[in-house]
Amino acid sequence: MLATQERVREGDRTIIIWHKAAEPEQCNGGCDWHPIACSTTEGITTPGSLREIPIDLAEVPLERTAEAQRWCSNCLAVHGTSTEK
């Protein structure tokens, strides 16, 4: 699914939270803001380009600056998917 990343600090760790992109057709690769599927008012600022990210994040290599990653559960719900097994 096309996604954008949010970086959050949890204690001394950096976590990447993937959000389903809303209106991906509006992205030109140089965006300052990406709307996200889980909110009609919020988005990700200075996001970097959209990426095709699988639901199973075990297939996505972590960036050197991140210690963990997960999907936004609300974005998965909008997509009709869950990471629960």
C-alpha atoms as a PDB file:
ATOM      1  CA  MET A   1       0.000   0.000   0.000  1.00  0.00           C
ATOM      2  CA  LEU A   2       1.281   3.512  -0.693  1.00  0.00           C
ATOM      3  CA  ALA A   3       2.411   4.965   2.607  1.00  0.00           C
ATOM      4  CA  THR A   4       4.220   7.837   4.236  1.00  0.00           C
ATOM      5  CA  GLN A   5       6.249   7.637   7.407  1.00  0.00           C
ATOM      6  CA  GLU A   6       5.934   9.416  10.705  1.00  0.00           C
ATOM      7  CA  ARG A   7       8.941   9.365  13.028  1.00  0.00           C
ATOM      8  CA  VAL A   8       8.192   9.457  16.731  1.00  0.00           C
ATOM      9  CA  ARG A   9      10.398   9.268  19.787  1.00  0.00           C
ATOM     10  CA  GLU A  10       9.481   6.735  22.463  1.00  0.00           C
ATOM     11  CA  GLY A  11      11.964   7.246  25.256  1.00  0.00           C
ATOM     12  CA  ASP A  12      15.387   6.913  23.684  1.00  0.00           C
ATOM     13  CA  ARG A  13      14.111   5.023  20.600  1.00  0.00           C
ATOM     14  CA  THR A  14      12.988   6.249  17.202  1.00  0.00           C
ATOM     15  CA  ILE A  15       9.882   4.504  15.879  1.00  0.00           C
ATOM     16  CA  ILE A  16       8.613   4.689  12.304  1.00  0.00           C
ATOM     17  CA  ILE A  17       4.832   4.621  12.047  1.00  0.00           C
ATOM     18  CA  TRP A  18       3.570   3.978   8.520  1.00  0.00           C
ATOM     19  CA  HIS A  19       0.387   5.755   7.422  1.00  0.00           C
ATOM     20  CA  LYS A  20      -1.702   4.929   4.358  1.00  0.00           C
ATOM     21  CA  ALA A  21      -1.412   7.878   1.985  1.00  0.00           C
ATOM     22  CA  ALA A  22      -4.593   9.764   1.174  1.00  0.00           C
ATOM     23  CA  GLU A  23      -4.718  11.397  -2.256  1.00  0.00           C
ATOM     24  CA  PRO A  24      -1.446   9.807  -3.459  1.00  0.00           C
ATOM     25  CA  GLU A  25      -2.094  11.137  -6.955  1.00  0.00           C
ATOM     26  CA  GLN A  26      -1.359  14.646  -5.595  1.00  0.00           C
ATOM     27  CA  CYS A  27       2.219  13.709  -4.605  1.00  0.00           C
ATOM     28  CA  ASN A  28       4.869  15.064  -6.944  1.00  0.00           C
ATOM     29  CA  GLY A  29       7.833  13.745  -4.956  1.00  0.00           C
ATOM     30  CA  GLY A  30       8.680  17.134  -3.479  1.00  0.00           C
ATOM     31  CA  CYS A  31       5.775  17.538  -1.091  1.00  0.00           C
ATOM     32  CA  ASP A  32       5.987  19.378   2.215  1.00  0.00           C
ATOM     33  CA  TRP A  33       2.876  17.635   3.545  1.00  0.00           C
ATOM     34  CA  HIS A  34       1.069  14.355   2.898  1.00  0.00           C
ATOM     35  CA  PRO A  35      -2.544  13.780   3.897  1.00  0.00           C
ATOM     36  CA  ILE A  36      -3.129  10.452   5.648  1.00  0.00           C
ATOM     37  CA  ALA A  37      -6.072   8.075   5.439  1.00  0.00           C
ATOM     38  CA  CYS A  38      -6.763   8.019   9.180  1.00  0.00           C
ATOM     39  CA  SER A  39      -7.500  11.760   9.454  1.00  0.00           C
ATOM     40  CA  THR A  40      -9.329  14.356   7.417  1.00  0.00           C
ATOM     41  CA  THR A  41      -7.391  17.203   9.054  1.00  0.00           C
ATOM     42  CA  GLU A  42      -3.951  15.874   9.962  1.00  0.00           C
ATOM     43  CA  GLY A  43      -1.030  14.796   7.821  1.00  0.00           C
ATOM     44  CA  ILE A  44       2.708  14.223   7.852  1.00  0.00           C
ATOM     45  CA  THR A  45       4.951  17.258   7.435  1.00  0.00           C
ATOM     46  CA  THR A  46       8.326  16.995   5.659  1.00  0.00           C
ATOM     47  CA  PRO A  47       7.536  13.363   4.883  1.00  0.00           C
ATOM     48  CA  GLY A  48       9.826  12.243   2.102  1.00  0.00           C
ATOM     49  CA  SER A  49       8.351  10.480  -0.898  1.00  0.00           C
ATOM     50  CA  LEU A  50       5.541   7.943  -0.775  1.00  0.00           C
ATOM     51  CA  ARG A  51       6.621   4.304  -0.729  1.00  0.00           C
ATOM     52  CA  GLU A  52       4.907   1.024  -1.511  1.00  0.00           C
ATOM     53  CA  ILE A  53       4.956  -0.736   1.879  1.00  0.00           C
ATOM     54  CA  PRO A  54       3.668  -4.280   2.497  1.00  0.00           C
ATOM     55  CA  ILE A  55       1.339  -4.996   5.400  1.00  0.00           C
ATOM     56  CA  ASP A  56       3.940  -7.434   6.739  1.00  0.00           C
ATOM     57  CA  LEU A  57       6.651  -5.051   7.895  1.00  0.00           C
ATOM     58  CA  ALA A  58       9.109  -7.919   8.335  1.00  0.00           C
ATOM     59  CA  GLU A  59       9.686  -7.481   4.591  1.00  0.00           C
ATOM     60  CA  VAL A  60      10.717  -3.809   5.016  1.00  0.00           C
ATOM     61  CA  PRO A  61      14.336  -3.168   6.014  1.00  0.00           C
ATOM     62  CA  LEU A  62      14.712  -0.622   8.789  1.00  0.00           C
ATOM     63  CA  GLU A  63      16.577   2.580   8.180  1.00  0.00           C
ATOM     64  CA  ARG A  64      19.731   3.022  10.229  1.00  0.00           C
ATOM     65  CA  THR A  65      18.136   5.707  12.385  1.00  0.00           C
ATOM     66  CA  ALA A  66      15.055   3.672  13.319  1.00  0.00           C
ATOM     67  CA  GLU A  67      14.827   0.957  15.926  1.00  0.00           C
ATOM     68  CA  ALA A  68      11.282  -0.229  15.242  1.00  0.00           C
ATOM     69  CA  GLN A  69       8.381   0.262  12.864  1.00  0.00           C
ATOM     70  CA  ARG A  70       4.669  -0.409  12.834  1.00  0.00           C
ATOM     71  CA  TRP A  71       1.550   0.446  10.914  1.00  0.00           C
ATOM     72  CA  CYS A  72      -0.918   3.037  12.154  1.00  0.00           C
ATOM     73  CA  SER A  73      -3.813   0.844  13.311  1.00  0.00           C
ATOM     74  CA  ASN A  74      -6.377   3.423  12.149  1.00  0.00           C
ATOM     75  CA  CYS A  75      -4.888   3.495   8.642  1.00  0.00           C
ATOM     76  CA  LEU A  76      -5.057  -0.299   8.500  1.00  0.00           C
ATOM     77  CA  ALA A  77      -8.710  -0.141   9.579  1.00  0.00           C
ATOM     78  CA  VAL A  78      -9.445   2.337   6.765  1.00  0.00           C
ATOM     79  CA  HIS A  79      -7.697  -0.070   4.387  1.00  0.00           C
ATOM     80  CA  GLY A  80      -9.729  -2.986   5.781  1.00  0.00           C
ATOM     81  CA  THR A  81      -6.639  -4.781   7.060  1.00  0.00           C
ATOM     82  CA  SER A  82      -5.244  -5.763  10.425  1.00  0.00           C
ATOM     83  CA  THR A  83      -1.808  -6.872  11.567  1.00  0.00           C
ATOM     84  CA  GLU A  84      -3.336  -9.211  14.154  1.00  0.00           C
ATOM     85  CA  LYS A  85      -2.910 -12.906  13.452  1.00  0.00           C
END
